[in-house]
Amino acid sequence: MTLGFRAVLTGVASVALVGSLAANAHATPSTGVSAVILSQTTIGGMDYILREITVAPGGSTGWHYHDGTLYALVRQGELSHYGSDCAVDQTGGPGTALVERAGAGNVHLERNLGTEPQVLDVLYVLPAGSPLSEDAPNPGCPFD
């Protein structure tokens, strides 16, 4: 984990309301995904939400996008992240960082093709009141 990424996660966590609210991924269709909100706060019209997301082997987040930027760090398992062109745009194991850009033009999907649960620490930086994700149809890929 880079020092800058760690500082962002630590800073947000230190000023945020800490909780353990269970939540489901907001993608369509998602399978084998669970999530827990670790902390959240609103500063200057932006929501900062730190979540732990677990994707079971064979699971998928479903196709979706976000209204703000996300910063993710793989804690366990192997990352298989796909863009709307159906190609893998990033892979990696523990310690791999990923940035998901905002907007409907950045539809993506995360799949767990491995044999162990995939655990991601994700910092959402969203306009206040925005949903965690926006559902999107499959852009024509032969998988969900």
N, C-alpha and C. Protein backbone atom coordinates (compact mmCIF):
# COMPACT_ATOMS: atom_id res chain seq x y z
N MET A 1 0.85 -1.16 0.00
CA MET A 1 0.00 0.00 0.00
C MET A 1 0.90 1.22 0.00
N THR A 2 0.60 2.14 -0.89
CA THR A 2 1.41 3.35 -0.94
C THR A 2 1.10 4.22 0.26
N LEU A 3 2.07 5.05 0.65
CA LEU A 3 1.90 5.92 1.80
C LEU A 3 0.73 6.86 1.61
N GLY A 4 0.55 7.43 0.41
CA GLY A 4 -0.55 8.34 0.15
C GLY A 4 -1.90 7.68 0.29
N PHE A 5 -2.05 6.47 -0.26
CA PHE A 5 -3.30 5.73 -0.17
C PHE A 5 -3.61 5.39 1.27
N ARG A 6 -2.59 4.94 2.00
CA ARG A 6 -2.76 4.60 3.42
C ARG A 6 -3.18 5.84 4.21
N ALA A 7 -2.57 6.99 3.91
CA ALA A 7 -2.91 8.22 4.61
C ALA A 7 -4.36 8.61 4.37
N VAL A 8 -4.84 8.46 3.13
CA VAL A 8 -6.23 8.79 2.81
C VAL A 8 -7.17 7.87 3.60
N LEU A 9 -6.91 6.56 3.57
CA LEU A 9 -7.77 5.63 4.29
C LEU A 9 -7.74 5.91 5.79
N THR A 10 -6.56 6.14 6.34
CA THR A 10 -6.42 6.39 7.77
C THR A 10 -7.10 7.69 8.16
N GLY A 11 -6.91 8.73 7.36
CA GLY A 11 -7.52 10.02 7.66
C GLY A 11 -9.03 9.96 7.65
N VAL A 12 -9.59 9.31 6.65
CA VAL A 12 -11.04 9.22 6.57
C VAL A 12 -11.58 8.38 7.72
N ALA A 13 -10.93 7.28 8.00
CA ALA A 13 -11.39 6.42 9.09
C ALA A 13 -11.33 7.13 10.43
N SER A 14 -10.33 7.98 10.62
CA SER A 14 -10.17 8.64 11.91
C SER A 14 -11.22 9.72 12.15
N VAL A 15 -11.76 10.34 11.10
CA VAL A 15 -12.77 11.38 11.28
C VAL A 15 -14.18 10.87 11.07
N ALA A 16 -14.32 9.63 10.67
CA ALA A 16 -15.63 9.10 10.32
C ALA A 16 -16.34 8.46 11.50
N LEU A 17 -17.62 8.36 11.35
CA LEU A 17 -18.44 7.65 12.31
C LEU A 17 -18.21 6.17 12.07
N VAL A 18 -17.74 5.46 13.10
CA VAL A 18 -17.41 4.06 12.95
C VAL A 18 -18.64 3.23 13.28
N GLY A 19 -18.89 2.25 12.46
CA GLY A 19 -20.03 1.37 12.68
C GLY A 19 -19.78 0.03 12.06
N SER A 20 -20.76 -0.82 12.14
CA SER A 20 -20.64 -2.13 11.49
C SER A 20 -21.98 -2.47 10.87
N LEU A 21 -22.39 -1.65 9.91
CA LEU A 21 -23.67 -1.83 9.26
C LEU A 21 -23.50 -2.76 8.08
N ALA A 22 -24.23 -3.85 8.05
CA ALA A 22 -24.14 -4.79 6.94
C ALA A 22 -24.88 -4.20 5.75
N ALA A 23 -24.35 -4.46 4.56
CA ALA A 23 -24.99 -3.97 3.34
C ALA A 23 -24.69 -4.93 2.21
N ASN A 24 -25.55 -4.93 1.23
CA ASN A 24 -25.33 -5.75 0.05
C ASN A 24 -24.76 -4.88 -1.06
N ALA A 25 -24.06 -5.49 -1.97
CA ALA A 25 -23.57 -4.74 -3.12
C ALA A 25 -24.77 -4.28 -3.93
N HIS A 26 -24.65 -3.14 -4.58
CA HIS A 26 -25.77 -2.55 -5.32
C HIS A 26 -25.63 -2.75 -6.82
N ALA A 27 -25.10 -3.86 -7.25
CA ALA A 27 -24.90 -4.10 -8.67
C ALA A 27 -25.94 -5.10 -9.16
N THR A 28 -26.15 -5.13 -10.48
CA THR A 28 -27.12 -6.05 -11.06
C THR A 28 -26.46 -6.89 -12.12
N PRO A 29 -26.54 -8.18 -12.12
CA PRO A 29 -26.88 -8.97 -10.94
C PRO A 29 -25.60 -9.26 -10.15
N SER A 30 -25.66 -9.18 -8.85
CA SER A 30 -24.50 -9.56 -8.05
C SER A 30 -24.73 -10.95 -7.48
N THR A 31 -23.67 -11.67 -7.32
CA THR A 31 -23.75 -13.01 -6.72
C THR A 31 -22.57 -13.19 -5.79
N GLY A 32 -22.82 -13.72 -4.61
CA GLY A 32 -21.74 -14.03 -3.67
C GLY A 32 -21.04 -12.82 -3.10
N VAL A 33 -21.72 -11.67 -3.05
CA VAL A 33 -21.09 -10.44 -2.57
C VAL A 33 -21.72 -10.02 -1.25
N SER A 34 -20.87 -9.68 -0.28
CA SER A 34 -21.35 -9.10 0.98
C SER A 34 -20.45 -7.93 1.31
N ALA A 35 -20.97 -7.00 2.11
CA ALA A 35 -20.19 -5.81 2.44
C ALA A 35 -20.58 -5.29 3.81
N VAL A 36 -19.62 -4.63 4.45
CA VAL A 36 -19.84 -4.00 5.74
C VAL A 36 -19.28 -2.58 5.66
N ILE A 37 -20.08 -1.61 6.08
CA ILE A 37 -19.59 -0.24 6.17
C ILE A 37 -18.77 -0.13 7.45
N LEU A 38 -17.50 0.25 7.32
CA LEU A 38 -16.62 0.39 8.47
C LEU A 38 -16.70 1.79 9.07
N SER A 39 -16.85 2.78 8.20
CA SER A 39 -16.99 4.16 8.68
C SER A 39 -17.54 5.03 7.56
N GLN A 40 -18.13 6.16 7.96
CA GLN A 40 -18.62 7.10 6.97
C GLN A 40 -18.77 8.48 7.60
N THR A 41 -18.58 9.49 6.76
CA THR A 41 -18.75 10.87 7.19
C THR A 41 -19.03 11.71 5.95
N THR A 42 -19.54 12.91 6.17
CA THR A 42 -19.77 13.87 5.09
C THR A 42 -18.98 15.13 5.41
N ILE A 43 -18.17 15.55 4.46
CA ILE A 43 -17.36 16.76 4.62
C ILE A 43 -17.45 17.55 3.32
N GLY A 44 -17.81 18.82 3.43
CA GLY A 44 -17.83 19.68 2.25
C GLY A 44 -18.68 19.17 1.11
N GLY A 45 -19.83 18.59 1.41
CA GLY A 45 -20.72 18.12 0.36
C GLY A 45 -20.32 16.78 -0.26
N MET A 46 -19.34 16.11 0.32
CA MET A 46 -18.91 14.80 -0.19
C MET A 46 -19.05 13.75 0.91
N ASP A 47 -19.55 12.58 0.53
CA ASP A 47 -19.61 11.44 1.45
C ASP A 47 -18.32 10.63 1.30
N TYR A 48 -17.72 10.28 2.43
CA TYR A 48 -16.54 9.42 2.47
C TYR A 48 -16.97 8.17 3.21
N ILE A 49 -16.98 7.05 2.50
CA ILE A 49 -17.48 5.80 3.06
C ILE A 49 -16.41 4.73 2.87
N LEU A 50 -16.04 4.10 3.97
CA LEU A 50 -15.06 3.02 3.93
C LEU A 50 -15.80 1.71 4.13
N ARG A 51 -15.69 0.80 3.15
CA ARG A 51 -16.37 -0.50 3.20
C ARG A 51 -15.39 -1.64 3.02
N GLU A 52 -15.72 -2.73 3.64
CA GLU A 52 -15.04 -4.00 3.38
C GLU A 52 -16.00 -4.81 2.52
N ILE A 53 -15.54 -5.20 1.33
CA ILE A 53 -16.38 -5.96 0.40
C ILE A 53 -15.75 -7.33 0.21
N THR A 54 -16.57 -8.36 0.34
CA THR A 54 -16.12 -9.74 0.15
C THR A 54 -16.87 -10.34 -1.03
N VAL A 55 -16.12 -10.92 -1.96
CA VAL A 55 -16.69 -11.60 -3.11
C VAL A 55 -16.29 -13.07 -3.00
N ALA A 56 -17.28 -13.95 -2.89
CA ALA A 56 -17.03 -15.39 -2.76
C ALA A 56 -16.46 -15.94 -4.07
N PRO A 57 -15.75 -17.07 -4.00
CA PRO A 57 -15.27 -17.70 -5.24
C PRO A 57 -16.45 -17.91 -6.20
N GLY A 58 -16.27 -17.52 -7.45
CA GLY A 58 -17.33 -17.62 -8.44
C GLY A 58 -18.31 -16.46 -8.41
N GLY A 59 -18.14 -15.54 -7.47
CA GLY A 59 -19.05 -14.41 -7.33
C GLY A 59 -18.69 -13.25 -8.24
N SER A 60 -19.63 -12.30 -8.31
CA SER A 60 -19.47 -11.13 -9.17
C SER A 60 -20.24 -9.95 -8.59
N THR A 61 -19.71 -8.74 -8.77
CA THR A 61 -20.41 -7.54 -8.32
C THR A 61 -21.55 -7.16 -9.24
N GLY A 62 -21.61 -7.70 -10.43
CA GLY A 62 -22.57 -7.26 -11.42
C GLY A 62 -22.07 -5.97 -12.06
N TRP A 63 -22.66 -5.60 -13.17
CA TRP A 63 -22.26 -4.40 -13.90
C TRP A 63 -22.81 -3.17 -13.20
N HIS A 64 -21.96 -2.18 -13.01
CA HIS A 64 -22.36 -0.96 -12.30
C HIS A 64 -21.34 0.15 -12.55
N TYR A 65 -21.69 1.34 -12.06
CA TYR A 65 -20.76 2.47 -12.06
C TYR A 65 -21.02 3.28 -10.80
N HIS A 66 -20.21 4.30 -10.56
CA HIS A 66 -20.31 5.11 -9.36
C HIS A 66 -20.39 6.59 -9.73
N ASP A 67 -21.07 7.37 -8.89
CA ASP A 67 -21.19 8.81 -9.11
C ASP A 67 -19.97 9.58 -8.62
N GLY A 68 -19.06 8.90 -7.95
CA GLY A 68 -17.81 9.49 -7.48
C GLY A 68 -16.69 8.49 -7.65
N THR A 69 -15.50 8.88 -7.28
CA THR A 69 -14.31 8.03 -7.43
C THR A 69 -14.19 7.06 -6.26
N LEU A 70 -13.76 5.83 -6.56
CA LEU A 70 -13.50 4.82 -5.55
C LEU A 70 -12.02 4.46 -5.56
N TYR A 71 -11.51 4.19 -4.36
CA TYR A 71 -10.12 3.76 -4.19
C TYR A 71 -10.18 2.42 -3.47
N ALA A 72 -9.69 1.37 -4.10
CA ALA A 72 -9.78 0.02 -3.53
C ALA A 72 -8.40 -0.57 -3.32
N LEU A 73 -8.32 -1.43 -2.32
CA LEU A 73 -7.10 -2.15 -2.01
C LEU A 73 -7.47 -3.61 -1.79
N VAL A 74 -6.80 -4.52 -2.50
CA VAL A 74 -7.04 -5.95 -2.33
C VAL A 74 -6.35 -6.39 -1.04
N ARG A 75 -7.13 -6.92 -0.12
CA ARG A 75 -6.57 -7.44 1.13
C ARG A 75 -6.33 -8.95 1.03
N GLN A 76 -7.22 -9.64 0.31
CA GLN A 76 -7.12 -11.10 0.19
C GLN A 76 -7.67 -11.52 -1.16
N GLY A 77 -7.11 -12.56 -1.73
CA GLY A 77 -7.62 -13.10 -2.99
C GLY A 77 -6.99 -12.41 -4.19
N GLU A 78 -7.56 -12.68 -5.35
CA GLU A 78 -7.04 -12.16 -6.61
C GLU A 78 -8.08 -11.28 -7.28
N LEU A 79 -7.67 -10.10 -7.71
CA LEU A 79 -8.52 -9.13 -8.38
C LEU A 79 -8.67 -9.47 -9.85
N SER A 80 -9.90 -9.47 -10.35
CA SER A 80 -10.20 -9.58 -11.79
C SER A 80 -11.24 -8.53 -12.09
N HIS A 81 -10.80 -7.38 -12.58
CA HIS A 81 -11.66 -6.22 -12.80
C HIS A 81 -11.83 -6.02 -14.30
N TYR A 82 -13.07 -5.87 -14.77
CA TYR A 82 -13.39 -5.78 -16.19
C TYR A 82 -14.02 -4.43 -16.51
N GLY A 83 -13.66 -3.87 -17.65
CA GLY A 83 -14.29 -2.67 -18.17
C GLY A 83 -15.42 -3.03 -19.11
N SER A 84 -16.12 -2.02 -19.61
CA SER A 84 -17.28 -2.26 -20.47
C SER A 84 -16.91 -2.83 -21.84
N ASP A 85 -15.61 -2.90 -22.16
CA ASP A 85 -15.17 -3.53 -23.40
C ASP A 85 -14.99 -5.03 -23.24
N CYS A 86 -15.37 -5.56 -22.06
CA CYS A 86 -15.31 -6.99 -21.72
C CYS A 86 -13.90 -7.49 -21.43
N ALA A 87 -12.91 -6.62 -21.48
CA ALA A 87 -11.52 -7.01 -21.23
C ALA A 87 -11.16 -6.77 -19.77
N VAL A 88 -10.27 -7.60 -19.27
CA VAL A 88 -9.73 -7.39 -17.93
C VAL A 88 -8.88 -6.13 -17.98
N ASP A 89 -9.20 -5.15 -17.13
CA ASP A 89 -8.39 -3.93 -17.12
C ASP A 89 -7.44 -3.86 -15.94
N GLN A 90 -7.60 -4.79 -14.97
CA GLN A 90 -6.63 -4.87 -13.88
C GLN A 90 -6.77 -6.21 -13.17
N THR A 91 -5.62 -6.77 -12.80
CA THR A 91 -5.55 -7.97 -12.00
C THR A 91 -4.51 -7.75 -10.91
N GLY A 92 -4.53 -8.60 -9.90
CA GLY A 92 -3.51 -8.51 -8.87
C GLY A 92 -3.98 -9.15 -7.58
N GLY A 93 -3.03 -9.40 -6.70
CA GLY A 93 -3.30 -10.01 -5.41
C GLY A 93 -3.24 -9.01 -4.28
N PRO A 94 -3.06 -9.51 -3.05
CA PRO A 94 -3.01 -8.65 -1.88
C PRO A 94 -2.02 -7.49 -2.07
N GLY A 95 -2.48 -6.29 -1.70
CA GLY A 95 -1.65 -5.10 -1.84
C GLY A 95 -1.89 -4.35 -3.13
N THR A 96 -2.64 -4.93 -4.06
CA THR A 96 -2.94 -4.26 -5.32
C THR A 96 -3.95 -3.14 -5.09
N ALA A 97 -3.66 -1.96 -5.58
CA ALA A 97 -4.56 -0.81 -5.48
C ALA A 97 -5.27 -0.59 -6.81
N LEU A 98 -6.50 -0.09 -6.74
CA LEU A 98 -7.32 0.14 -7.92
C LEU A 98 -8.09 1.43 -7.73
N VAL A 99 -8.19 2.22 -8.78
CA VAL A 99 -9.01 3.43 -8.76
C VAL A 99 -10.13 3.23 -9.79
N GLU A 100 -11.37 3.44 -9.34
CA GLU A 100 -12.51 3.38 -10.25
C GLU A 100 -13.02 4.81 -10.45
N ARG A 101 -12.98 5.26 -11.69
CA ARG A 101 -13.40 6.62 -12.04
C ARG A 101 -14.92 6.75 -12.01
N ALA A 102 -15.38 7.95 -11.82
CA ALA A 102 -16.81 8.24 -11.71
C ALA A 102 -17.49 8.32 -13.07
N GLY A 103 -18.80 8.04 -13.06
CA GLY A 103 -19.63 8.31 -14.21
C GLY A 103 -20.11 7.09 -14.97
N ALA A 104 -21.23 7.28 -15.69
CA ALA A 104 -21.85 6.21 -16.46
C ALA A 104 -20.95 5.71 -17.59
N GLY A 105 -19.94 6.48 -17.97
CA GLY A 105 -18.99 6.04 -18.99
C GLY A 105 -17.94 5.10 -18.44
N ASN A 106 -18.02 4.78 -17.16
CA ASN A 106 -17.03 3.89 -16.52
C ASN A 106 -17.70 2.66 -15.91
N VAL A 107 -18.55 2.01 -16.69
CA VAL A 107 -19.22 0.78 -16.25
C VAL A 107 -18.17 -0.32 -16.09
N HIS A 108 -18.30 -1.09 -15.02
CA HIS A 108 -17.31 -2.13 -14.74
C HIS A 108 -17.94 -3.27 -13.93
N LEU A 109 -17.15 -4.31 -13.75
CA LEU A 109 -17.56 -5.52 -13.05
C LEU A 109 -16.34 -6.10 -12.37
N GLU A 110 -16.51 -6.64 -11.19
CA GLU A 110 -15.44 -7.35 -10.46
C GLU A 110 -15.88 -8.79 -10.32
N ARG A 111 -15.01 -9.73 -10.74
CA ARG A 111 -15.31 -11.16 -10.61
C ARG A 111 -14.25 -11.83 -9.76
N ASN A 112 -14.67 -12.83 -9.00
CA ASN A 112 -13.71 -13.64 -8.25
C ASN A 112 -13.56 -14.97 -8.98
N LEU A 113 -12.47 -15.08 -9.72
CA LEU A 113 -12.20 -16.30 -10.48
C LEU A 113 -11.33 -17.27 -9.70
N GLY A 114 -10.96 -16.91 -8.47
CA GLY A 114 -10.08 -17.72 -7.64
C GLY A 114 -10.84 -18.72 -6.78
N THR A 115 -10.09 -19.35 -5.87
CA THR A 115 -10.65 -20.39 -5.01
C THR A 115 -10.84 -19.93 -3.57
N GLU A 116 -10.44 -18.71 -3.26
CA GLU A 116 -10.63 -18.18 -1.91
C GLU A 116 -11.43 -16.88 -1.98
N PRO A 117 -12.09 -16.51 -0.88
CA PRO A 117 -12.83 -15.24 -0.90
C PRO A 117 -11.89 -14.08 -1.24
N GLN A 118 -12.41 -13.14 -1.97
CA GLN A 118 -11.69 -11.91 -2.32
C GLN A 118 -12.19 -10.83 -1.35
N VAL A 119 -11.26 -10.18 -0.66
CA VAL A 119 -11.63 -9.13 0.28
C VAL A 119 -10.99 -7.83 -0.17
N LEU A 120 -11.83 -6.79 -0.32
CA LEU A 120 -11.38 -5.48 -0.77
C LEU A 120 -11.72 -4.44 0.30
N ASP A 121 -10.80 -3.54 0.56
CA ASP A 121 -11.08 -2.35 1.36
C ASP A 121 -11.31 -1.23 0.36
N VAL A 122 -12.48 -0.59 0.42
CA VAL A 122 -12.86 0.38 -0.60
C VAL A 122 -13.27 1.70 0.05
N LEU A 123 -12.65 2.77 -0.41
CA LEU A 123 -13.02 4.12 0.01
C LEU A 123 -13.83 4.76 -1.11
N TYR A 124 -15.10 5.09 -0.81
CA TYR A 124 -15.99 5.77 -1.75
C TYR A 124 -15.90 7.27 -1.47
N VAL A 125 -15.71 8.07 -2.50
CA VAL A 125 -15.75 9.53 -2.40
C VAL A 125 -16.85 9.97 -3.35
N LEU A 126 -18.02 10.23 -2.78
CA LEU A 126 -19.24 10.44 -3.57
C LEU A 126 -19.89 11.78 -3.23
N PRO A 127 -20.58 12.38 -4.19
CA PRO A 127 -21.40 13.54 -3.84
C PRO A 127 -22.38 13.14 -2.73
N ALA A 128 -22.56 14.00 -1.74
CA ALA A 128 -23.40 13.70 -0.59
C ALA A 128 -24.77 13.18 -1.03
N GLY A 129 -25.18 12.08 -0.44
CA GLY A 129 -26.48 11.49 -0.72
C GLY A 129 -26.53 10.56 -1.91
N SER A 130 -25.44 10.41 -2.64
CA SER A 130 -25.42 9.53 -3.80
C SER A 130 -25.48 8.07 -3.35
N PRO A 131 -26.05 7.19 -4.19
CA PRO A 131 -26.01 5.76 -3.87
C PRO A 131 -24.57 5.25 -3.99
N LEU A 132 -24.29 4.14 -3.35
CA LEU A 132 -22.94 3.56 -3.43
C LEU A 132 -22.59 3.17 -4.86
N SER A 133 -23.58 2.70 -5.60
CA SER A 133 -23.35 2.36 -7.00
C SER A 133 -24.65 2.51 -7.77
N GLU A 134 -24.51 2.56 -9.08
CA GLU A 134 -25.66 2.65 -9.99
C GLU A 134 -25.65 1.39 -10.85
N ASP A 135 -26.78 0.68 -10.89
CA ASP A 135 -26.89 -0.52 -11.71
C ASP A 135 -26.69 -0.17 -13.19
N ALA A 136 -26.11 -1.10 -13.91
CA ALA A 136 -25.92 -0.92 -15.34
C ALA A 136 -26.17 -2.25 -16.03
N PRO A 137 -26.70 -2.22 -17.24
CA PRO A 137 -26.90 -3.48 -17.97
C PRO A 137 -25.55 -4.03 -18.45
N ASN A 138 -25.54 -5.32 -18.68
CA ASN A 138 -24.36 -5.95 -19.27
C ASN A 138 -24.09 -5.27 -20.60
N PRO A 139 -22.87 -4.76 -20.82
CA PRO A 139 -22.58 -4.04 -22.07
C PRO A 139 -22.39 -4.95 -23.28
N GLY A 140 -22.72 -6.22 -23.15
CA GLY A 140 -22.60 -7.16 -24.28
C GLY A 140 -21.53 -8.20 -24.07
N CYS A 141 -21.07 -8.35 -22.84
CA CYS A 141 -20.03 -9.35 -22.54
C CYS A 141 -20.65 -10.73 -22.38
N PRO A 142 -19.88 -11.79 -22.66
CA PRO A 142 -20.43 -13.15 -22.57
C PRO A 142 -20.48 -13.68 -21.14
N PHE A 143 -20.35 -12.81 -20.15
CA PHE A 143 -20.41 -13.19 -18.74
C PHE A 143 -21.08 -12.06 -17.95
N ASP A 144 -21.56 -12.39 -16.77
CA ASP A 144 -22.16 -11.40 -15.86
C ASP A 144 -21.26 -11.17 -14.69
